[in-house]
Protein backbone atom coordinates (compact mmCIF):
# COMPACT_ATOMS: atom_id res chain seq x y z
CA MET A 1 25.71 37.32 -105.43
CA LYS A 2 22.25 35.68 -104.99
CA LEU A 3 23.81 32.84 -103.03
CA THR A 4 25.68 35.24 -100.74
CA ARG A 5 22.45 37.15 -100.03
CA LEU A 6 20.61 33.83 -99.38
CA THR A 7 23.39 32.71 -97.04
CA PHE A 8 23.18 36.01 -95.21
CA LEU A 9 19.40 35.81 -94.80
CA CYS A 10 19.80 32.21 -93.43
CA ALA A 11 22.41 33.34 -90.97
CA MET A 12 20.20 36.16 -89.76
CA ALA A 13 17.23 33.82 -89.34
CA LEU A 14 19.33 31.31 -87.43
CA ALA A 15 20.81 34.01 -85.29
CA GLY A 16 17.36 34.98 -84.25
CA CYS A 17 16.73 31.34 -83.02
CA THR A 18 19.65 31.19 -80.72
CA ALA A 19 19.47 33.81 -77.96
CA THR A 20 22.70 34.34 -75.91
CA PRO A 21 22.09 35.71 -72.46
CA ASP A 22 24.00 38.83 -71.38
CA LEU A 23 25.87 39.65 -74.58
CA GLU A 24 28.91 41.86 -73.97
CA PRO A 25 29.05 45.01 -76.09
CA LEU A 26 31.74 45.21 -78.77
CA PRO A 27 33.55 48.51 -79.80
CA GLY A 28 30.82 50.06 -82.01
CA SER A 29 27.91 48.78 -80.01
CA LEU A 30 25.58 51.40 -78.72
CA THR A 31 26.37 50.52 -75.03
CA TYR A 32 30.08 49.99 -75.44
CA GLY A 33 32.07 51.68 -72.65
CA GLU A 34 29.01 53.01 -70.91
CA THR A 35 27.33 52.32 -67.63
CA ALA A 36 23.72 51.14 -67.82
CA SER A 37 22.32 54.56 -66.74
CA SER A 38 24.53 56.76 -69.09
CA ARG A 39 22.43 56.10 -72.31
CA LYS A 40 18.68 56.63 -72.07
CA THR A 41 16.13 57.08 -74.77
CA GLN A 42 12.65 58.48 -74.95
CA ALA A 43 11.44 55.38 -76.85
CA ALA A 44 8.67 53.37 -75.21
CA PRO A 45 9.76 50.29 -73.18
CA GLY A 46 9.79 47.15 -75.31
CA THR A 47 10.78 49.03 -78.49
CA LYS A 48 13.45 47.20 -80.56
CA ILE A 49 16.43 49.34 -81.89
CA GLN A 50 18.77 48.06 -84.62
CA ASN A 51 22.43 48.89 -84.89
CA ARG A 52 24.95 47.80 -87.45
CA PHE A 53 28.70 48.45 -87.73
CA LEU A 54 32.00 46.99 -88.89
CA HIS A 55 34.16 45.29 -86.35
CA GLN A 56 37.49 43.58 -87.18
CA GLY A 57 36.48 43.35 -90.83
CA LYS A 58 33.13 41.70 -90.17
CA TYR A 59 29.61 43.22 -90.37
CA VAL A 60 27.89 43.15 -86.96
CA TYR A 61 24.10 43.49 -86.64
CA GLU A 62 22.69 44.04 -83.18
CA THR A 63 19.19 44.40 -81.75
CA TYR A 64 18.47 46.22 -78.52
CA GLU A 65 15.36 46.33 -76.41
CA VAL A 66 14.37 49.51 -74.52
CA GLN A 67 13.90 48.61 -70.81
CA ALA A 68 11.38 50.11 -68.34
CA ASP A 69 14.04 52.59 -67.18
CA HIS A 70 14.62 53.64 -70.83
CA THR A 71 18.09 52.06 -71.03
CA TYR A 72 19.16 49.71 -73.82
CA LYS A 73 19.57 45.91 -73.35
CA LEU A 74 21.53 44.07 -76.03
CA ILE A 75 19.34 41.03 -76.96
CA ARG A 76 20.66 39.75 -80.27
CA ARG A 77 23.85 39.86 -82.35
CA SER A 78 24.74 38.47 -85.73
CA ILE A 79 28.24 38.61 -87.29
CA VAL A 80 28.76 38.15 -91.05
CA ASP A 81 32.12 37.88 -92.76
CA SER A 82 31.13 39.97 -95.80
CA LEU A 83 28.16 40.75 -97.92
CA GLY A 84 29.99 39.72 -101.23
CA ASP A 85 31.18 41.71 -104.11
């Protein structure tokens, strides 16, 4: 159990080091199936928003940044097979 958590934390840390430009939303992503202008927030530009969901049996962790026009931009995604038993 501790090894699984340590592995998860290491994966999350490494995911933060490798930025992928223009990530495409998955089913379950906050922006999936939407145009850029359809989802707006009152949060301040630069605010980071976290989202997590299950996709094809894997845990997906996403980070969005609020843009100047108050839309979301997907800036980071991590996918983990499972969190252990």
